[in-house]
PDB file of N, CA and C in Angstrom:
ATOM      1  N   UNK A   1     -18.957 -11.588  -4.741  1.00  0.00           N
ATOM      2  CA  UNK A   1     -18.454 -10.843  -5.950  1.00  0.00           C
ATOM      3  C   UNK A   1     -17.132 -11.113  -5.005  1.00  0.00           C
ATOM      4  N   UNK A   2     -15.908 -10.989  -5.520  1.00  0.00           N
ATOM      5  CA  UNK A   2     -14.834 -11.468  -4.644  1.00  0.00           C
ATOM      6  C   UNK A   2     -13.577 -10.920  -5.916  1.00  0.00           C
ATOM      7  N   UNK A   3     -12.759 -10.064  -5.607  1.00  0.00           N
ATOM      8  CA  UNK A   3     -12.149  -9.098  -6.220  1.00  0.00           C
ATOM      9  C   UNK A   3     -10.323  -9.798  -6.276  1.00  0.00           C
ATOM     10  N   UNK A   4      -9.647  -9.644  -7.154  1.00  0.00           N
ATOM     11  CA  UNK A   4      -8.780 -10.888  -6.910  1.00  0.00           C
ATOM     12  C   UNK A   4      -9.198 -12.325  -5.761  1.00  0.00           C
ATOM     13  N   UNK A   5      -9.585 -12.925  -6.717  1.00  0.00           N
ATOM     14  CA  UNK A   5     -10.003 -14.352  -5.881  1.00  0.00           C
ATOM     15  C   UNK A   5      -9.658 -15.331  -6.670  1.00  0.00           C
ATOM     16  N   UNK A   6      -8.504 -15.569  -7.045  1.00  0.00           N
ATOM     17  CA  UNK A   6      -8.334 -16.420  -8.413  1.00  0.00           C
ATOM     18  C   UNK A   6      -6.353 -17.552  -7.027  1.00  0.00           C
ATOM     19  N   UNK A   7      -6.323 -16.509  -6.427  1.00  0.00           N
ATOM     20  CA  UNK A   7      -5.620 -17.529  -6.038  1.00  0.00           C
ATOM     21  C   UNK A   7      -5.328 -16.190  -3.742  1.00  0.00           C
ATOM     22  N   UNK A   8      -4.813 -17.129  -3.098  1.00  0.00           N
ATOM     23  CA  UNK A   8      -4.298 -16.339  -1.526  1.00  0.00           C
ATOM     24  C   UNK A   8      -6.115 -16.247  -1.183  1.00  0.00           C
ATOM     25  N   UNK A   9      -5.827 -15.182   0.044  1.00  0.00           N
ATOM     26  CA  UNK A   9      -6.857 -14.348  -0.280  1.00  0.00           C
ATOM     27  C   UNK A   9      -7.632 -14.539  -0.326  1.00  0.00           C
ATOM     28  N   UNK A  10      -8.186 -14.134  -0.815  1.00  0.00           N
ATOM     29  CA  UNK A  10      -9.320 -14.461  -2.099  1.00  0.00           C
ATOM     30  C   UNK A  10      -9.885 -15.342  -2.788  1.00  0.00           C
ATOM     31  N   UNK A  11      -9.210 -16.517  -2.567  1.00  0.00           N
ATOM     32  CA  UNK A  11      -8.846 -17.019  -2.787  1.00  0.00           C
ATOM     33  C   UNK A  11      -9.625 -18.142  -1.354  1.00  0.00           C
ATOM     34  N   UNK A  12      -9.582 -18.001  -0.978  1.00  0.00           N
ATOM     35  CA  UNK A  12      -9.426 -18.336   0.331  1.00  0.00           C
ATOM     36  C   UNK A  12     -11.304 -18.012   1.051  1.00  0.00           C
ATOM     37  N   UNK A  13     -11.468 -16.708   0.932  1.00  0.00           N
ATOM     38  CA  UNK A  13     -12.817 -16.772   0.784  1.00  0.00           C
ATOM     39  C   UNK A  13     -13.385 -17.079   0.345  1.00  0.00           C
ATOM     40  N   UNK A  14     -13.568 -16.878  -0.751  1.00  0.00           N
ATOM     41  CA  UNK A  14     -14.277 -17.591  -2.387  1.00  0.00           C
ATOM     42  C   UNK A  14     -14.465 -19.280  -1.655  1.00  0.00           C
ATOM     43  N   UNK A  15     -14.038 -19.752  -0.873  1.00  0.00           N
ATOM     44  CA  UNK A  15     -14.059 -21.666  -0.444  1.00  0.00           C
ATOM     45  C   UNK A  15     -14.902 -21.569   0.666  1.00  0.00           C
ATOM     46  N   UNK A  16     -14.928 -20.483   1.239  1.00  0.00           N
ATOM     47  CA  UNK A  16     -15.212 -20.071   3.166  1.00  0.00           C
ATOM     48  C   UNK A  16     -17.239 -19.999   2.053  1.00  0.00           C
ATOM     49  N   UNK A  17     -16.649 -18.831   0.977  1.00  0.00           N
ATOM     50  CA  UNK A  17     -18.215 -18.124   0.759  1.00  0.00           C
ATOM     51  C   UNK A  17     -19.179 -19.052   0.292  1.00  0.00           C
ATOM     52  N   UNK A  18     -18.638 -20.121  -0.432  1.00  0.00           N
ATOM     53  CA  UNK A  18     -18.903 -21.636  -1.698  1.00  0.00           C
ATOM     54  C   UNK A  18     -19.141 -22.957  -0.104  1.00  0.00           C
ATOM     55  N   UNK A  19     -18.246 -23.247   0.215  1.00  0.00           N
ATOM     56  CA  UNK A  19     -18.997 -24.213   1.841  1.00  0.00           C
ATOM     57  C   UNK A  19     -20.540 -23.478   2.351  1.00  0.00           C
ATOM     58  N   UNK A  20     -20.051 -22.110   2.042  1.00  0.00           N
ATOM     59  CA  UNK A  20     -21.557 -21.973   2.671  1.00  0.00           C
ATOM     60  C   UNK A  20     -23.530 -21.923   1.893  1.00  0.00           C
ATOM     61  N   UNK A  21     -22.776 -21.928   0.881  1.00  0.00           N
ATOM     62  CA  UNK A  21     -23.541 -22.104  -0.279  1.00  0.00           C
ATOM     63  C   UNK A  21     -23.700 -21.002  -0.886  1.00  0.00           C
ATOM     64  N   UNK A  22     -22.709 -19.902  -1.617  1.00  0.00           N
ATOM     65  CA  UNK A  22     -22.842 -19.094  -2.206  1.00  0.00           C
ATOM     66  C   UNK A  22     -22.837 -19.419  -3.445  1.00  0.00           C
ATOM     67  N   UNK A  23     -22.961 -18.876  -4.628  1.00  0.00           N
ATOM     68  CA  UNK A  23     -21.986 -18.835  -6.443  1.00  0.00           C
ATOM     69  C   UNK A  23     -21.537 -17.414  -5.659  1.00  0.00           C
ATOM     70  N   UNK A  24     -20.437 -18.002  -6.584  1.00  0.00           N
ATOM     71  CA  UNK A  24     -19.305 -16.319  -6.535  1.00  0.00           C
ATOM     72  C   UNK A  24     -18.562 -16.281  -7.532  1.00  0.00           C
ATOM     73  N   UNK A  25     -19.013 -14.662  -8.015  1.00  0.00           N
ATOM     74  CA  UNK A  25     -17.919 -14.437  -9.121  1.00  0.00           C
ATOM     75  C   UNK A  25     -16.664 -13.871  -8.292  1.00  0.00           C
ATOM     76  N   UNK A  26     -15.556 -14.449  -9.492  1.00  0.00           N
ATOM     77  CA  UNK A  26     -14.565 -13.733  -8.978  1.00  0.00           C
ATOM     78  C   UNK A  26     -13.915 -12.625  -9.862  1.00  0.00           C
ATOM     79  N   UNK A  27     -12.874 -11.780 -10.374  1.00  0.00           N
ATOM     80  CA  UNK A  27     -12.277 -11.431 -11.059  1.00  0.00           C
ATOM     81  C   UNK A  27     -10.882 -11.213  -9.962  1.00  0.00           C
ATOM     82  N   UNK A  28     -10.520 -10.898 -11.397  1.00  0.00           N
ATOM     83  CA  UNK A  28      -8.955 -11.361 -11.124  1.00  0.00           C
ATOM     84  C   UNK A  28      -8.491 -10.001 -13.130  1.00  0.00           C
ATOM     85  N   UNK A  29      -7.263  -9.610 -12.628  1.00  0.00           N
ATOM     86  CA  UNK A  29      -7.099  -9.109 -13.936  1.00  0.00           C
ATOM     87  C   UNK A  29      -6.180  -9.967 -14.998  1.00  0.00           C
ATOM     88  N   UNK A  30      -5.760 -11.171 -14.147  1.00  0.00           N
ATOM     89  CA  UNK A  30      -5.044 -12.656 -14.999  1.00  0.00           C
ATOM     90  C   UNK A  30      -5.823 -13.224 -15.235  1.00  0.00           C
ATOM     91  N   UNK A  31      -5.827 -14.732 -16.391  1.00  0.00           N
ATOM     92  CA  UNK A  31      -6.324 -15.461 -15.826  1.00  0.00           C
ATOM     93  C   UNK A  31      -5.584 -16.720 -16.796  1.00  0.00           C
ATOM     94  N   UNK A  32      -4.765 -17.688 -15.727  1.00  0.00           N
ATOM     95  CA  UNK A  32      -3.466 -18.462 -16.003  1.00  0.00           C
ATOM     96  C   UNK A  32      -4.970 -19.668 -15.415  1.00  0.00           C
ATOM     97  N   UNK A  33      -3.342 -20.424 -15.006  1.00  0.00           N
ATOM     98  CA  UNK A  33      -3.617 -21.989 -14.017  1.00  0.00           C
ATOM     99  C   UNK A  33      -4.607 -21.310 -13.031  1.00  0.00           C
ATOM    100  N   UNK A  34      -4.646 -20.266 -12.160  1.00  0.00           N
ATOM    101  CA  UNK A  34      -4.297 -19.950 -10.605  1.00  0.00           C
ATOM    102  C   UNK A  34      -5.991 -19.856 -10.768  1.00  0.00           C
ATOM    103  N   UNK A  35      -6.837 -19.366 -11.367  1.00  0.00           N
ATOM    104  CA  UNK A  35      -8.471 -18.879 -12.382  1.00  0.00           C
ATOM    105  C   UNK A  35      -8.836 -20.814 -12.368  1.00  0.00           C
ATOM    106  N   UNK A  36      -8.060 -21.766 -13.052  1.00  0.00           N
ATOM    107  CA  UNK A  36      -8.325 -22.881 -13.044  1.00  0.00           C
ATOM    108  C   UNK A  36      -8.290 -23.510 -11.930  1.00  0.00           C
ATOM    109  N   UNK A  37      -7.970 -23.449 -11.075  1.00  0.00           N
ATOM    110  CA  UNK A  37      -7.704 -24.293  -9.732  1.00  0.00           C
ATOM    111  C   UNK A  37      -8.731 -23.973  -9.080  1.00  0.00           C
ATOM    112  N   UNK A  38      -8.787 -22.341  -8.392  1.00  0.00           N
ATOM    113  CA  UNK A  38      -9.329 -21.411  -8.122  1.00  0.00           C
ATOM    114  C   UNK A  38     -11.120 -22.046  -8.605  1.00  0.00           C
ATOM    115  N   UNK A  39     -11.276 -21.822  -9.853  1.00  0.00           N
ATOM    116  CA  UNK A  39     -13.258 -22.203  -9.700  1.00  0.00           C
ATOM    117  C   UNK A  39     -12.886 -23.471 -10.122  1.00  0.00           C
ATOM    118  N   UNK A  40     -12.261 -24.337  -9.979  1.00  0.00           N
ATOM    119  CA  UNK A  40     -11.948 -25.790  -9.707  1.00  0.00           C
ATOM    120  C   UNK A  40     -12.797 -26.153  -7.888  1.00  0.00           C
ATOM    121  N   UNK A  41     -11.887 -25.602  -7.546  1.00  0.00           N
ATOM    122  CA  UNK A  41     -12.172 -25.501  -6.240  1.00  0.00           C
ATOM    123  C   UNK A  41     -13.098 -24.994  -5.180  1.00  0.00           C
ATOM    124  N   UNK A  42     -14.007 -24.257  -5.713  1.00  0.00           N
ATOM    125  CA  UNK A  42     -15.497 -23.817  -5.822  1.00  0.00           C
ATOM    126  C   UNK A  42     -16.844 -24.277  -5.841  1.00  0.00           C
ATOM    127  N   UNK A  43     -16.440 -24.742  -7.664  1.00  0.00           N
ATOM    128  CA  UNK A  43     -17.035 -26.197  -8.118  1.00  0.00           C
ATOM    129  C   UNK A  43     -17.777 -26.868  -7.306  1.00  0.00           C
ATOM    130  N   UNK A  44     -16.011 -27.208  -7.231  1.00  0.00           N
ATOM    131  CA  UNK A  44     -16.144 -28.887  -5.832  1.00  0.00           C
ATOM    132  C   UNK A  44     -16.949 -28.419  -4.953  1.00  0.00           C
ATOM    133  N   UNK A  45     -17.451 -27.450  -3.789  1.00  0.00           N
ATOM    134  CA  UNK A  45     -18.211 -27.268  -2.481  1.00  0.00           C
ATOM    135  C   UNK A  45     -20.130 -27.384  -3.220  1.00  0.00           C
ATOM    136  N   UNK A  46     -19.899 -27.330  -5.116  1.00  0.00           N
ATOM    137  CA  UNK A  46     -21.567 -27.286  -5.253  1.00  0.00           C
ATOM    138  C   UNK A  46     -21.962 -25.800  -5.791  1.00  0.00           C
ATOM    139  N   UNK A  47     -21.268 -24.940  -6.122  1.00  0.00           N
ATOM    140  CA  UNK A  47     -21.651 -23.751  -6.825  1.00  0.00           C
ATOM    141  C   UNK A  47     -21.281 -23.350  -7.842  1.00  0.00           C
ATOM    142  N   UNK A  48     -21.891 -22.526  -7.813  1.00  0.00           N
ATOM    143  CA  UNK A  48     -21.400 -21.722  -9.363  1.00  0.00           C
ATOM    144  C   UNK A  48     -20.470 -20.982  -9.190  1.00  0.00           C
ATOM    145  N   UNK A  49     -19.229 -21.184  -9.901  1.00  0.00           N
ATOM    146  CA  UNK A  49     -18.469 -19.845 -10.058  1.00  0.00           C
ATOM    147  C   UNK A  49     -17.838 -19.470 -11.736  1.00  0.00           C
ATOM    148  N   UNK A  50     -17.881 -18.103 -11.404  1.00  0.00           N
ATOM    149  CA  UNK A  50     -17.461 -17.740 -12.727  1.00  0.00           C
ATOM    150  C   UNK A  50     -15.945 -16.476 -12.325  1.00  0.00           C
ATOM    151  N   UNK A  51     -15.463 -16.633 -13.368  1.00  0.00           N
ATOM    152  CA  UNK A  51     -14.326 -15.428 -13.618  1.00  0.00           C
ATOM    153  C   UNK A  51     -15.160 -14.053 -14.654  1.00  0.00           C
ATOM    154  N   UNK A  52     -14.704 -13.317 -13.805  1.00  0.00           N
ATOM    155  CA  UNK A  52     -15.018 -12.236 -14.554  1.00  0.00           C
ATOM    156  C   UNK A  52     -13.746 -11.280 -15.087  1.00  0.00           C
ATOM    157  N   UNK A  53     -13.009 -11.193 -15.900  1.00  0.00           N
ATOM    158  CA  UNK A  53     -11.947 -10.676 -16.685  1.00  0.00           C
ATOM    159  C   UNK A  53     -11.716  -9.057 -16.162  1.00  0.00           C
ATOM    160  N   UNK A  54     -10.841  -8.701 -15.415  1.00  0.00           N
ATOM    161  CA  UNK A  54     -11.043  -7.605 -14.825  1.00  0.00           C
ATOM    162  C   UNK A  54     -10.191  -6.232 -13.771  1.00  0.00           C
ATOM    163  N   UNK A  55     -10.143  -5.015 -13.749  1.00  0.00           N
ATOM    164  CA  UNK A  55      -8.430  -4.493 -14.314  1.00  0.00           C
ATOM    165  C   UNK A  55      -9.306  -3.545 -12.756  1.00  0.00           C
ATOM    166  N   UNK A  56      -9.415  -3.543 -11.616  1.00  0.00           N
ATOM    167  CA  UNK A  56     -10.250  -2.662 -10.286  1.00  0.00           C
ATOM    168  C   UNK A  56      -8.888  -1.594 -10.830  1.00  0.00           C
ATOM    169  N   UNK A  57      -8.646  -0.988 -11.171  1.00  0.00           N
ATOM    170  CA  UNK A  57      -7.794   0.444 -11.409  1.00  0.00           C
ATOM    171  C   UNK A  57      -8.626   0.706 -12.730  1.00  0.00           C
ATOM    172  N   UNK A  58      -9.664   0.476 -12.970  1.00  0.00           N
ATOM    173  CA  UNK A  58     -10.451   0.426 -14.444  1.00  0.00           C
ATOM    174  C   UNK A  58     -11.808   1.108 -13.888  1.00  0.00           C
ATOM    175  N   UNK A  59     -11.685   2.291 -12.929  1.00  0.00           N
ATOM    176  CA  UNK A  59     -12.793   3.463 -12.106  1.00  0.00           C
ATOM    177  C   UNK A  59     -13.850   2.791 -12.829  1.00  0.00           C
ATOM    178  N   UNK A  60     -13.459   3.826 -14.485  1.00  0.00           N
ATOM    179  CA  UNK A  60     -15.157   4.328 -15.514  1.00  0.00           C
ATOM    180  C   UNK A  60     -15.027   2.747 -15.072  1.00  0.00           C
ATOM    181  N   UNK A  61     -15.513   1.452 -14.821  1.00  0.00           N
ATOM    182  CA  UNK A  61     -15.927   0.099 -15.789  1.00  0.00           C
ATOM    183  C   UNK A  61     -16.968  -0.814 -14.622  1.00  0.00           C
ATOM    184  N   UNK A  62     -16.745   0.217 -13.723  1.00  0.00           N
ATOM    185  CA  UNK A  62     -17.104  -0.906 -12.400  1.00  0.00           C
ATOM    186  C   UNK A  62     -18.539  -1.084 -12.473  1.00  0.00           C
ATOM    187  N   UNK A  63     -18.974   0.135 -13.185  1.00  0.00           N
ATOM    188  CA  UNK A  63     -20.754  -0.419 -13.568  1.00  0.00           C
ATOM    189  C   UNK A  63     -20.878  -1.009 -14.066  1.00  0.00           C
ATOM    190  N   UNK A  64     -19.895  -1.426 -15.510  1.00  0.00           N
ATOM    191  CA  UNK A  64     -20.494  -2.674 -15.406  1.00  0.00           C
ATOM    192  C   UNK A  64     -19.502  -4.116 -14.735  1.00  0.00           C
ATOM    193  N   UNK A  65     -19.171  -4.135 -14.659  1.00  0.00           N
ATOM    194  CA  UNK A  65     -18.437  -5.248 -13.952  1.00  0.00           C
ATOM    195  C   UNK A  65     -19.777  -5.767 -13.694  1.00  0.00           C
ATOM    196  N   UNK A  66     -20.534  -4.921 -11.683  1.00  0.00           N
ATOM    197  CA  UNK A  66     -21.121  -5.083 -11.208  1.00  0.00           C
ATOM    198  C   UNK A  66     -22.735  -5.593 -12.370  1.00  0.00           C
ATOM    199  N   UNK A  67     -22.895  -4.948 -13.494  1.00  0.00           N
ATOM    200  CA  UNK A  67     -23.848  -5.526 -14.166  1.00  0.00           C
ATOM    201  C   UNK A  67     -23.647  -6.873 -14.645  1.00  0.00           C
ATOM    202  N   UNK A  68     -22.714  -7.345 -15.763  1.00  0.00           N
ATOM    203  CA  UNK A  68     -21.594  -8.675 -15.893  1.00  0.00           C
ATOM    204  C   UNK A  68     -22.669  -9.644 -14.963  1.00  0.00           C
ATOM    205  N   UNK A  69     -21.826  -9.284 -13.394  1.00  0.00           N
ATOM    206  CA  UNK A  69     -21.855 -10.336 -12.402  1.00  0.00           C
ATOM    207  C   UNK A  69     -23.477 -10.146 -12.422  1.00  0.00           C
ATOM    208  N   UNK A  70     -24.365  -9.734 -12.520  1.00  0.00           N
ATOM    209  CA  UNK A  70     -25.959  -9.537 -12.385  1.00  0.00           C
ATOM    210  C   UNK A  70     -26.220 -10.712 -13.462  1.00  0.00           C
ATOM    211  N   UNK A  71     -25.826 -10.561 -14.313  1.00  0.00           N
ATOM    212  CA  UNK A  71     -26.320 -11.293 -15.564  1.00  0.00           C
ATOM    213  C   UNK A  71     -25.658 -11.978 -14.770  1.00  0.00           C
ATOM    214  N   UNK A  72     -24.228 -12.901 -15.302  1.00  0.00           N
ATOM    215  CA  UNK A  72     -23.903 -14.542 -15.165  1.00  0.00           C
ATOM    216  C   UNK A  72     -24.496 -14.830 -13.748  1.00  0.00           C
ATOM    217  N   UNK A  73     -24.894 -14.509 -12.795  1.00  0.00           N
ATOM    218  CA  UNK A  73     -25.477 -15.100 -11.923  1.00  0.00           C
ATOM    219  C   UNK A  73     -26.430 -14.918 -10.859  1.00  0.00           C
ATOM    220  N   UNK A  74     -27.683 -13.645 -11.359  1.00  0.00           N
ATOM    221  CA  UNK A  74     -28.108 -13.056 -11.469  1.00  0.00           C
ATOM    222  C   UNK A  74     -28.600 -12.935 -10.118  1.00  0.00           C
ATOM    223  N   UNK A  75     -27.821 -12.086  -9.745  1.00  0.00           N
ATOM    224  CA  UNK A  75     -27.955 -10.971  -7.868  1.00  0.00           C
ATOM    225  C   UNK A  75     -26.630 -10.764  -7.774  1.00  0.00           C
ATOM    226  N   UNK A  76     -26.732  -9.607  -7.273  1.00  0.00           N
ATOM    227  CA  UNK A  76     -25.518  -9.366  -6.213  1.00  0.00           C
ATOM    228  C   UNK A  76     -25.883  -9.841  -4.269  1.00  0.00           C
ATOM    229  N   UNK A  77     -25.424 -10.265  -3.610  1.00  0.00           N
ATOM    230  CA  UNK A  77     -25.211 -10.332  -2.635  1.00  0.00           C
ATOM    231  C   UNK A  77     -25.140  -9.667  -1.537  1.00  0.00           C
ATOM    232  N   UNK A  78     -23.225  -9.987  -1.863  1.00  0.00           N
ATOM    233  CA  UNK A  78     -22.202  -9.817  -1.204  1.00  0.00           C
ATOM    234  C   UNK A  78     -21.119  -9.199  -1.955  1.00  0.00           C
ATOM    235  N   UNK A  79     -20.439  -8.552  -1.849  1.00  0.00           N
ATOM    236  CA  UNK A  79     -19.005  -7.751  -2.377  1.00  0.00           C
ATOM    237  C   UNK A  79     -17.592  -8.131  -1.765  1.00  0.00           C
ATOM    238  N   UNK A  80     -16.662  -9.107  -2.065  1.00  0.00           N
ATOM    239  CA  UNK A  80     -15.107  -8.649  -1.079  1.00  0.00           C
ATOM    240  C   UNK A  80     -14.114  -7.741  -1.927  1.00  0.00           C
ATOM    241  N   UNK A  81     -13.596  -6.930  -1.189  1.00  0.00           N
ATOM    242  CA  UNK A  81     -12.734  -5.818  -2.017  1.00  0.00           C
ATOM    243  C   UNK A  81     -11.487  -6.084  -1.684  1.00  0.00           C
ATOM    244  N   UNK A  82     -11.292  -6.770  -2.317  1.00  0.00           N
ATOM    245  CA  UNK A  82      -9.230  -7.855  -1.412  1.00  0.00           C
ATOM    246  C   UNK A  82      -8.758  -7.624  -2.705  1.00  0.00           C
ATOM    247  N   UNK A  83      -8.740  -7.285  -4.071  1.00  0.00           N
ATOM    248  CA  UNK A  83      -7.965  -6.774  -4.845  1.00  0.00           C
ATOM    249  C   UNK A  83      -6.873  -5.991  -4.871  1.00  0.00           C
ATOM    250  N   UNK A  84      -5.660  -6.955  -4.550  1.00  0.00           N
ATOM    251  CA  UNK A  84      -4.463  -5.411  -4.463  1.00  0.00           C
ATOM    252  C   UNK A  84      -2.982  -5.709  -5.148  1.00  0.00           C
ATOM    253  N   UNK A  85      -2.246  -4.949  -4.147  1.00  0.00           N
ATOM    254  CA  UNK A  85      -0.955  -5.234  -4.773  1.00  0.00           C
ATOM    255  C   UNK A  85       0.344  -5.618  -3.784  1.00  0.00           C
ATOM    256  N   UNK A  86       1.514  -6.684  -3.677  1.00  0.00           N
ATOM    257  CA  UNK A  86       2.103  -5.504  -2.139  1.00  0.00           C
ATOM    258  C   UNK A  86       2.206  -3.905  -2.675  1.00  0.00           C
ATOM    259  N   UNK A  87       3.200  -3.864  -1.636  1.00  0.00           N
ATOM    260  CA  UNK A  87       4.468  -2.320  -1.215  1.00  0.00           C
ATOM    261  C   UNK A  87       5.275  -2.799  -1.925  1.00  0.00           C
ATOM    262  N   UNK A  88       5.569  -1.840  -3.507  1.00  0.00           N
ATOM    263  CA  UNK A  88       7.289  -1.802  -4.239  1.00  0.00           C
ATOM    264  C   UNK A  88       7.765  -1.775  -2.639  1.00  0.00           C
ATOM    265  N   UNK A  89       7.858  -1.008  -1.812  1.00  0.00           N
ATOM    266  CA  UNK A  89       8.919  -0.731  -1.267  1.00  0.00           C
ATOM    267  C   UNK A  89       8.100  -0.384   0.389  1.00  0.00           C
ATOM    268  N   UNK A  90       8.942  -1.421   1.151  1.00  0.00           N
ATOM    269  CA  UNK A  90       8.008  -1.515   2.526  1.00  0.00           C
ATOM    270  C   UNK A  90       8.580   0.320   2.839  1.00  0.00           C
ATOM    271  N   UNK A  91       7.936   0.904   4.079  1.00  0.00           N
ATOM    272  CA  UNK A  91       8.172   1.407   4.380  1.00  0.00           C
ATOM    273  C   UNK A  91       8.713   1.427   6.140  1.00  0.00           C
ATOM    274  N   UNK A  92       8.248   0.643   6.214  1.00  0.00           N
ATOM    275  CA  UNK A  92       8.539   0.346   8.021  1.00  0.00           C
ATOM    276  C   UNK A  92      10.545  -0.193   7.930  1.00  0.00           C
TER     277      UNK A  92
END
């Protein structure tokens, strides 16, 4: 399970894990063309890849996210907390 893996660092982590033989569940708040691209990149490696649309700020529903991942892929072996936003204002 990788949060925020539809693009950037999260997607690169997903591709590396897929190459190592892991099935990938990834979450993101958005569902757009980047999701389709990420899914295709992950599936090319021969793994199952599934988007679980999710907002990591929704703390009360974290258990539901994990339950959905387990239902979708059977088990959860690894969790990568990658989702985030850039700083709206640089403080340095």
